[in-house]
């Protein structure tokens, strides 16, 4: 064993541990789990996850459970077993992580990606239940999709204040407004979000891999695990487009077109277009007007199942995370605002 990391759950012997795996080892390929958010499944049964907030869930009956995955060493996971949660800082390489050891019983296991993996996805090769059994949990009654940029991805949410610089440790998609709302609704959440990406142009000024392009790429992949029958789709984008100047009517038209694309893919979903709480002050009102205008144009065209929401900072607690991004308190406040709007549309916990 070349490396070991253990995080003890208080009052139990359920642990998170990792040891170097033999690259030639025959790792069991289990399929008795579910994956939310877009993920690619290879012919060998390897699940590749890259989107923040991706969740892998299983119900394990037995006493010892491990999982095997490969990462570059800059990803963080939330590992929840029977409602108890710990953070797992992944290490470089192909490793087997020991999740449960010598604790007989039935365990609900939930693995959630906190960080973004845009260039080299995590390769999840499956759970090994030893002498136990695995079963996929029942699907949630509600399904939600969020498409967005830094705020939707959870950039800097764990930061101490606005003056800290981003690191993977400060990134947590599981504390975003979308995650807050999904937990309250007991909904399955899929996230297509990437920091710095825009509708027409990105923060760096380029037009490669914008959010509509990323969405189209995901939907065109035949092996994606993302469901195609969403109940709610939330859009939160435009901060990059308005970072330097007002992009004008081109942005307005592109937003309307993208909403039309979403409607074609999700004919029964409530589509919510959002703005705030971030945005360059000089262009904030123009961006808000553009997003709201796109919603009104969709309504005028006969699409009544759309709405607009303006997110704002929390009136209490910590306002900002790293680089002036929303803190956990602000994200929770945003999640409550979204829940209120969804309730107005009849979307509530079953």
Protein backbone atom coordinates (compact mmCIF):
# COMPACT_ATOMS: atom_id res chain seq x y z
CA UNK A 1 0.00 0.00 0.00
CA UNK A 2 1.61 3.24 -1.13
CA UNK A 3 -0.97 5.71 0.13
CA UNK A 4 -3.73 5.72 2.65
CA UNK A 5 -6.32 8.26 3.62
CA UNK A 6 -8.96 7.58 6.23
CA UNK A 7 -11.86 9.76 7.33
CA UNK A 8 -13.84 8.26 10.18
CA UNK A 9 -17.56 8.65 10.52
CA UNK A 10 -18.19 9.40 14.17
CA UNK A 11 -19.62 6.48 16.07
CA UNK A 12 -19.09 3.87 13.37
CA UNK A 13 -16.42 1.99 11.51
CA UNK A 14 -17.53 3.19 8.10
CA UNK A 15 -14.44 4.78 6.59
CA UNK A 16 -13.09 6.35 3.46
CA UNK A 17 -9.76 4.89 2.55
CA UNK A 18 -7.68 4.56 -0.57
CA UNK A 19 -4.89 2.25 -1.59
CA UNK A 20 -3.00 1.89 -4.83
CA UNK A 21 -4.68 -0.50 -7.27
CA UNK A 22 -2.87 -2.98 -9.42
CA UNK A 23 -3.44 -1.69 -12.98
CA UNK A 24 -3.81 -5.29 -14.14
CA UNK A 25 -6.38 -6.17 -11.50
CA UNK A 26 -9.79 -7.39 -12.61
CA UNK A 27 -12.05 -4.77 -11.07
CA UNK A 28 -15.70 -5.84 -10.80
CA UNK A 29 -17.95 -3.85 -13.12
CA UNK A 30 -21.12 -3.24 -11.15
CA UNK A 31 -24.21 -1.80 -12.80
CA UNK A 32 -26.48 -1.69 -9.77
CA UNK A 33 -26.27 2.06 -9.25
CA UNK A 34 -27.72 5.23 -10.73
CA UNK A 35 -25.92 8.28 -12.11
CA UNK A 36 -27.37 11.79 -12.33
CA UNK A 37 -25.93 14.49 -14.56
CA UNK A 38 -24.49 13.64 -17.97
CA UNK A 39 -22.04 10.76 -17.82
CA UNK A 40 -20.57 8.57 -20.52
CA UNK A 41 -20.62 4.80 -20.12
CA UNK A 42 -17.92 2.90 -22.01
CA UNK A 43 -18.34 -0.56 -23.50
CA UNK A 44 -16.28 -1.86 -20.57
CA UNK A 45 -18.76 -0.42 -18.10
CA UNK A 46 -16.60 2.51 -16.98
CA UNK A 47 -18.59 5.62 -16.06
CA UNK A 48 -16.90 8.94 -16.81
CA UNK A 49 -18.16 11.90 -14.78
CA UNK A 50 -17.09 15.48 -15.40
CA UNK A 51 -20.00 17.76 -14.53
CA UNK A 52 -20.21 19.38 -11.09
CA UNK A 53 -22.84 17.84 -8.86
CA UNK A 54 -22.78 14.46 -10.62
CA UNK A 55 -24.24 11.88 -8.24
CA UNK A 56 -23.72 8.11 -8.09
CA UNK A 57 -26.09 6.24 -5.77
CA UNK A 58 -26.55 2.64 -4.71
CA UNK A 59 -28.16 0.62 -1.95
CA UNK A 60 -25.66 -1.82 -0.49
CA UNK A 61 -26.49 -4.78 1.69
CA UNK A 62 -23.44 -6.36 3.29
CA UNK A 63 -20.56 -5.36 5.51
CA UNK A 64 -17.69 -4.19 3.25
CA UNK A 65 -17.88 -1.94 0.18
CA UNK A 66 -15.19 -0.40 -2.02
CA UNK A 67 -15.18 1.66 -5.19
CA UNK A 68 -12.47 2.03 -7.82
CA UNK A 69 -11.85 5.20 -9.80
CA UNK A 70 -9.12 7.14 -11.56
CA UNK A 71 -8.48 10.86 -11.11
CA UNK A 72 -5.71 13.39 -11.55
CA UNK A 73 -5.85 14.26 -7.85
CA UNK A 74 -7.61 17.63 -7.93
CA UNK A 75 -11.21 16.49 -7.48
CA UNK A 76 -13.30 16.42 -4.33
CA UNK A 77 -16.29 14.22 -3.56
CA UNK A 78 -19.00 14.33 -0.93
CA UNK A 79 -19.51 10.77 0.30
CA UNK A 80 -22.78 10.18 2.17
CA UNK A 81 -23.56 6.86 3.82
CA UNK A 82 -26.86 6.47 5.66
CA UNK A 83 -27.17 10.23 5.89
CA UNK A 84 -23.68 10.79 7.34
CA UNK A 85 -21.41 12.82 5.06
CA UNK A 86 -17.68 13.25 4.70
CA UNK A 87 -15.46 14.96 2.13
CA UNK A 88 -13.07 12.86 0.09
CA UNK A 89 -10.10 14.59 -1.55
CA UNK A 90 -9.23 12.25 -4.41
CA UNK A 91 -5.62 11.26 -4.93
CA UNK A 92 -3.82 10.87 -8.28
CA UNK A 93 -4.07 7.59 -10.11
CA UNK A 94 -6.28 4.55 -10.21
CA UNK A 95 -7.25 3.79 -6.63
CA UNK A 96 -9.65 1.63 -4.70
CA UNK A 97 -11.46 3.57 -1.97
CA UNK A 98 -12.83 1.65 1.00
CA UNK A 99 -16.22 3.11 1.92
CA UNK A 100 -17.60 0.59 4.43
CA UNK A 101 -15.67 -1.95 6.44
CA UNK A 102 -17.14 -4.59 8.75
CA UNK A 103 -20.47 -2.82 9.25
CA UNK A 104 -23.21 -5.32 8.36
CA UNK A 105 -26.58 -4.02 7.27
CA UNK A 106 -28.28 -2.13 4.45
CA UNK A 107 -26.60 1.15 3.57
CA UNK A 108 -27.71 4.03 1.34
CA UNK A 109 -24.59 5.23 -0.47
CA UNK A 110 -24.40 8.55 -2.30
CA UNK A 111 -21.25 9.85 -4.05
CA UNK A 112 -21.48 13.47 -5.27
CA UNK A 113 -18.82 15.37 -7.26
CA UNK A 114 -18.13 18.80 -5.79
CA UNK A 115 -15.76 20.08 -8.48
CA UNK A 116 -15.59 20.52 -12.25
CA UNK A 117 -13.70 18.05 -14.42
CA UNK A 118 -13.81 19.67 -17.88
CA UNK A 119 -10.62 18.25 -19.37
CA UNK A 120 -10.12 14.81 -17.86
CA UNK A 121 -13.23 13.18 -16.40
CA UNK A 122 -13.13 10.92 -13.36
CA UNK A 123 -13.24 7.27 -14.42
CA UNK A 124 -15.55 5.42 -12.07
CA UNK A 125 -15.10 1.68 -12.54
CA UNK A 126 -17.78 0.60 -10.12
CA UNK A 127 -18.48 -0.63 -6.62
CA UNK A 128 -17.23 -3.95 -5.27
CA UNK A 129 -19.73 -5.32 -2.72
CA UNK A 130 -17.48 -8.24 -1.70
CA UNK A 131 -19.98 -10.84 -0.46
CA UNK A 132 -22.83 -8.33 -0.34
CA UNK A 133 -25.33 -7.12 -2.90
CA UNK A 134 -26.09 -3.85 -4.68
CA UNK A 135 -29.34 -2.47 -5.97
CA UNK A 136 -30.16 0.76 -7.74
CA UNK A 137 -32.32 3.16 -5.72
CA UNK A 138 -35.78 4.01 -6.97
CA UNK A 139 -35.77 7.00 -9.33
CA UNK A 140 -37.00 10.31 -7.96
CA UNK A 141 -40.44 11.50 -8.93
CA UNK A 142 -39.06 14.89 -10.02
CA UNK A 143 -36.15 15.63 -12.35
CA UNK A 144 -34.37 18.97 -12.64
CA UNK A 145 -31.74 20.21 -15.12
CA UNK A 146 -29.62 23.32 -14.55
CA UNK A 147 -27.52 24.86 -17.31
CA UNK A 148 -25.21 27.66 -16.29
CA UNK A 149 -21.84 29.17 -15.53
CA UNK A 150 -19.77 29.76 -12.38
CA UNK A 151 -22.70 30.28 -10.02
CA UNK A 152 -24.49 27.12 -11.13
CA UNK A 153 -21.22 25.18 -10.95
CA UNK A 154 -20.50 26.19 -7.35
CA UNK A 155 -17.33 28.19 -7.99
CA UNK A 156 -15.76 29.48 -4.76
CA UNK A 157 -18.79 28.73 -2.61
CA UNK A 158 -16.67 27.37 0.26
CA UNK A 159 -14.37 30.42 0.32
CA UNK A 160 -13.88 32.48 3.46
CA UNK A 161 -14.77 35.75 1.73
CA UNK A 162 -14.59 37.59 -1.59
CA UNK A 163 -10.82 38.08 -1.33
CA UNK A 164 -9.79 34.40 -1.47
CA UNK A 165 -8.68 32.88 -4.74
CA UNK A 166 -10.30 29.83 -6.23
CA UNK A 167 -9.08 26.33 -5.48
CA UNK A 168 -10.79 22.94 -5.85
CA UNK A 169 -11.28 22.93 -2.07
CA UNK A 170 -13.54 26.00 -2.36
CA UNK A 171 -15.66 24.53 -5.16
CA UNK A 172 -18.85 22.77 -4.13
CA UNK A 173 -21.68 22.13 -6.56
CA UNK A 174 -23.54 20.38 -3.75
CA UNK A 175 -24.10 23.73 -2.01
CA UNK A 176 -25.49 25.58 -5.00
CA UNK A 177 -29.00 26.98 -5.29
CA UNK A 178 -29.90 24.06 -7.55
CA UNK A 179 -28.70 21.47 -5.07
CA UNK A 180 -30.60 23.24 -2.29
CA UNK A 181 -33.83 23.17 -4.29
CA UNK A 182 -33.34 19.60 -5.48
CA UNK A 183 -32.86 18.31 -1.94
CA UNK A 184 -35.99 20.11 -0.76
CA UNK A 185 -37.97 18.61 -3.64
CA UNK A 186 -36.32 15.18 -3.39
CA UNK A 187 -35.53 15.61 -7.08
CA UNK A 188 -32.82 14.09 -9.23
CA UNK A 189 -30.55 16.94 -10.34
CA UNK A 190 -28.51 17.11 -13.54
CA UNK A 191 -26.07 19.99 -14.01
CA UNK A 192 -24.44 21.19 -17.20
CA UNK A 193 -22.35 24.07 -15.87
CA UNK A 194 -18.86 25.34 -16.54
CA UNK A 195 -17.15 28.35 -15.03
CA UNK A 196 -16.38 31.20 -17.39
CA UNK A 197 -18.69 30.00 -20.16
CA UNK A 198 -21.33 32.16 -21.78
CA UNK A 199 -24.19 32.05 -24.24
CA UNK A 200 -22.38 33.65 -27.19
CA UNK A 201 -18.89 34.25 -25.82
CA UNK A 202 -16.88 33.16 -22.81
CA UNK A 203 -15.13 35.13 -20.08
CA UNK A 204 -11.86 34.97 -22.01
CA UNK A 205 -13.56 36.45 -25.08
CA UNK A 206 -13.49 33.26 -27.15
CA UNK A 207 -16.49 31.46 -28.60
CA UNK A 208 -15.36 27.86 -28.13
CA UNK A 209 -17.44 25.47 -26.01
CA UNK A 210 -20.09 27.98 -25.02
CA UNK A 211 -22.93 26.70 -22.88
CA UNK A 212 -25.31 26.01 -25.80
CA UNK A 213 -22.50 24.15 -27.55
CA UNK A 214 -21.80 22.09 -24.44
CA UNK A 215 -25.49 21.31 -24.02
CA UNK A 216 -25.83 20.27 -27.66
CA UNK A 217 -22.78 18.04 -27.35
CA UNK A 218 -24.21 16.32 -24.27
CA UNK A 219 -27.59 15.75 -25.88
CA UNK A 220 -26.01 14.31 -29.02
CA UNK A 221 -24.08 11.66 -27.09
CA UNK A 222 -25.92 8.37 -27.29
CA UNK A 223 -24.41 7.00 -24.08
CA UNK A 224 -25.30 9.84 -21.76
CA UNK A 225 -27.11 8.92 -18.56
CA UNK A 226 -29.09 12.17 -18.36
CA UNK A 227 -32.86 11.64 -18.60
CA UNK A 228 -34.82 13.33 -21.35
CA UNK A 229 -38.02 13.93 -19.38
CA UNK A 230 -37.16 16.84 -17.10
CA UNK A 231 -39.80 18.51 -14.98
CA UNK A 232 -37.80 21.73 -14.51
CA UNK A 233 -34.97 23.32 -16.51
CA UNK A 234 -33.18 26.35 -15.02
CA UNK A 235 -30.91 28.58 -17.12
CA UNK A 236 -28.39 30.89 -15.45
CA UNK A 237 -25.96 32.39 -17.93
CA UNK A 238 -24.81 35.66 -19.47
CA UNK A 239 -22.27 36.89 -16.93
CA UNK A 240 -19.43 36.15 -19.34
CA UNK A 241 -21.24 37.71 -22.30
CA UNK A 242 -21.71 40.99 -20.41
CA UNK A 243 -18.26 41.01 -18.79
CA UNK A 244 -16.89 43.71 -21.10
CA UNK A 245 -19.83 45.26 -22.92
CA UNK A 246 -23.47 44.78 -23.82
CA UNK A 247 -23.55 42.23 -26.68
CA UNK A 248 -26.83 43.71 -27.87
CA UNK A 249 -29.59 42.05 -29.84
CA UNK A 250 -27.40 39.12 -30.81
CA UNK A 251 -27.52 37.95 -27.20
CA UNK A 252 -31.28 38.48 -27.01
CA UNK A 253 -31.91 36.44 -30.15
CA UNK A 254 -29.51 33.68 -29.09
CA UNK A 255 -31.23 33.38 -25.71
CA UNK A 256 -34.65 33.03 -27.36
CA UNK A 257 -33.25 30.41 -29.75
CA UNK A 258 -31.63 28.46 -26.93
CA UNK A 259 -34.87 28.43 -24.96
CA UNK A 260 -36.54 27.08 -28.09
CA UNK A 261 -33.95 24.32 -28.30
CA UNK A 262 -34.56 23.41 -24.67
CA UNK A 263 -38.32 23.37 -25.29
CA UNK A 264 -37.87 21.02 -28.26
CA UNK A 265 -35.85 18.64 -26.10
CA UNK A 266 -38.02 19.00 -22.99
CA UNK A 267 -41.58 19.62 -24.20
CA UNK A 268 -43.22 19.32 -20.77
CA UNK A 269 -40.65 21.04 -18.55
CA UNK A 270 -41.06 24.34 -16.78
CA UNK A 271 -38.20 26.50 -18.12
CA UNK A 272 -36.92 29.12 -15.69
CA UNK A 273 -34.49 31.76 -16.98
CA UNK A 274 -32.50 33.42 -14.23
CA UNK A 275 -30.20 36.37 -13.69
CA UNK A 276 -28.05 37.49 -10.76
CA UNK A 277 -26.75 37.85 -8.18
CA UNK A 278 -23.40 38.43 -9.95
CA UNK A 279 -22.80 40.66 -12.93
CA UNK A 280 -20.79 43.73 -13.87
CA UNK A 281 -22.67 46.65 -12.31
CA UNK A 282 -22.61 48.77 -15.47
CA UNK A 283 -24.28 46.02 -17.50
CA UNK A 284 -26.41 44.35 -14.82
CA UNK A 285 -29.70 45.99 -15.79
CA UNK A 286 -29.13 45.43 -19.49
CA UNK A 287 -28.41 41.74 -18.94
CA UNK A 288 -31.46 41.35 -16.72
CA UNK A 289 -33.63 43.04 -19.34
CA UNK A 290 -32.25 40.77 -22.06
CA UNK A 291 -33.04 37.57 -20.14
CA UNK A 292 -36.45 38.80 -19.07
CA UNK A 293 -37.14 39.90 -22.64
CA UNK A 294 -36.32 36.43 -23.94
CA UNK A 295 -38.85 34.94 -21.52
CA UNK A 296 -41.51 37.40 -22.63
CA UNK A 297 -40.80 36.62 -26.28
CA UNK A 298 -41.25 32.90 -25.60
CA UNK A 299 -44.54 33.62 -23.86
CA UNK A 300 -45.69 35.81 -26.75
CA UNK A 301 -44.90 32.94 -29.11
CA UNK A 302 -47.29 30.72 -27.15
CA UNK A 303 -44.95 29.01 -24.66
CA UNK A 304 -46.72 29.54 -21.35
CA UNK A 305 -44.56 27.17 -19.30
CA UNK A 306 -41.65 29.61 -18.88
CA UNK A 307 -40.74 32.13 -16.20
CA UNK A 308 -38.02 34.52 -15.04
CA UNK A 309 -36.27 34.75 -11.67
CA UNK A 310 -33.84 37.35 -10.38
CA UNK A 311 -31.48 35.98 -7.75
CA UNK A 312 -30.08 38.24 -5.05
CA UNK A 313 -27.54 38.00 -2.25
CA UNK A 314 -28.55 36.65 1.12
CA UNK A 315 -29.66 39.37 3.56
CA UNK A 316 -27.98 37.47 6.38
CA UNK A 317 -24.78 35.56 6.96
CA UNK A 318 -21.81 35.51 4.62
CA UNK A 319 -22.51 37.12 1.26
CA UNK A 320 -19.53 36.12 -0.85
CA UNK A 321 -17.21 33.24 -1.54
CA UNK A 322 -13.97 33.41 -3.50
CA UNK A 323 -13.60 36.10 -6.17
CA UNK A 324 -16.95 37.72 -5.25
CA UNK A 325 -18.94 34.61 -6.12
CA UNK A 326 -21.99 33.63 -4.04
CA UNK A 327 -21.26 32.08 -0.66
CA UNK A 328 -23.03 29.02 0.70
CA UNK A 329 -25.42 31.35 2.53
CA UNK A 330 -26.26 33.25 -0.65
CA UNK A 331 -26.63 30.03 -2.65
CA UNK A 332 -29.06 28.70 -0.03
CA UNK A 333 -31.03 31.96 -0.20
CA UNK A 334 -31.16 31.61 -3.98
CA UNK A 335 -32.36 28.04 -3.63
CA UNK A 336 -35.21 29.15 -1.39
CA UNK A 337 -36.19 31.78 -3.96
CA UNK A 338 -36.27 29.14 -6.68
CA UNK A 339 -38.37 26.84 -4.50
CA UNK A 340 -40.89 29.66 -3.98
CA UNK A 341 -41.19 30.23 -7.72
CA UNK A 342 -41.53 26.50 -8.42
CA UNK A 343 -44.27 26.26 -5.82
CA UNK A 344 -46.16 29.00 -7.65
CA UNK A 345 -46.05 26.71 -10.71
CA UNK A 346 -47.25 23.71 -8.76
CA UNK A 347 -43.86 22.02 -8.55
CA UNK A 348 -43.58 20.65 -5.02
CA UNK A 349 -42.14 17.65 -3.21
CA UNK A 350 -44.33 14.61 -4.00
